[in-house]
Amino acid sequence: MNSQVSDLQFEVCLGSTGSKWAAIWIVLDGTAFPESGWTDFPLTVLRWWVEAALELLHNRVGVVEWRFMDGPFWIEISKLGANNVRLKRQTKAGPQTVQVGTVDVFCMAGQLVRAIRQIGASRGEGRVSCVEIDALLADSRRLEALAPPDLGNLR
């Protein structure tokens, strides 16, 4: 299935005090993946995704995967020229690709930074370790530093 990704969002809903298990999912073109309310380990998953995004932005690789820790779900991200990436939602439940679309690489990075900031905003609520949040926020600043000066959506 091919479609232009008009909407890319990350949804993160932190759990109870001290819990590292929380809801995290991606919305591609209005469809939640793996599903709305999917629970996983968002601090770990988001750090993996930042590292993968940095690999793409630094042109070290042409294809990365954003994996979830729980379940056989991932998004394959392929570089398409300087500023676009192709996103393919995939699952090991079958060989088929669930959804394909393209998005601006800095839009993708910006949405990732916003999700991390959402977690950072909960820092004082004691729901997750401040050390882990600080590490995640440092990772997001590495992404922000790569944005072109005229692109304000990461800042």
Foldseek 3Di string as FASTA:
>chain_A
DEDAFPDWAWDWDFDAFADQKTFIWIATNNATPVHGGDIARVLVLLLVVLVQLVCVLVVVDQWDWRDTPPFFWIWIWGDDPNFKIKIWTDGPVDPDTPYIHMDTSLVVLLNSLVVLVVVVVCLVVNRHDVVSSVVSNVSSVVSVVSDPPVDDSND
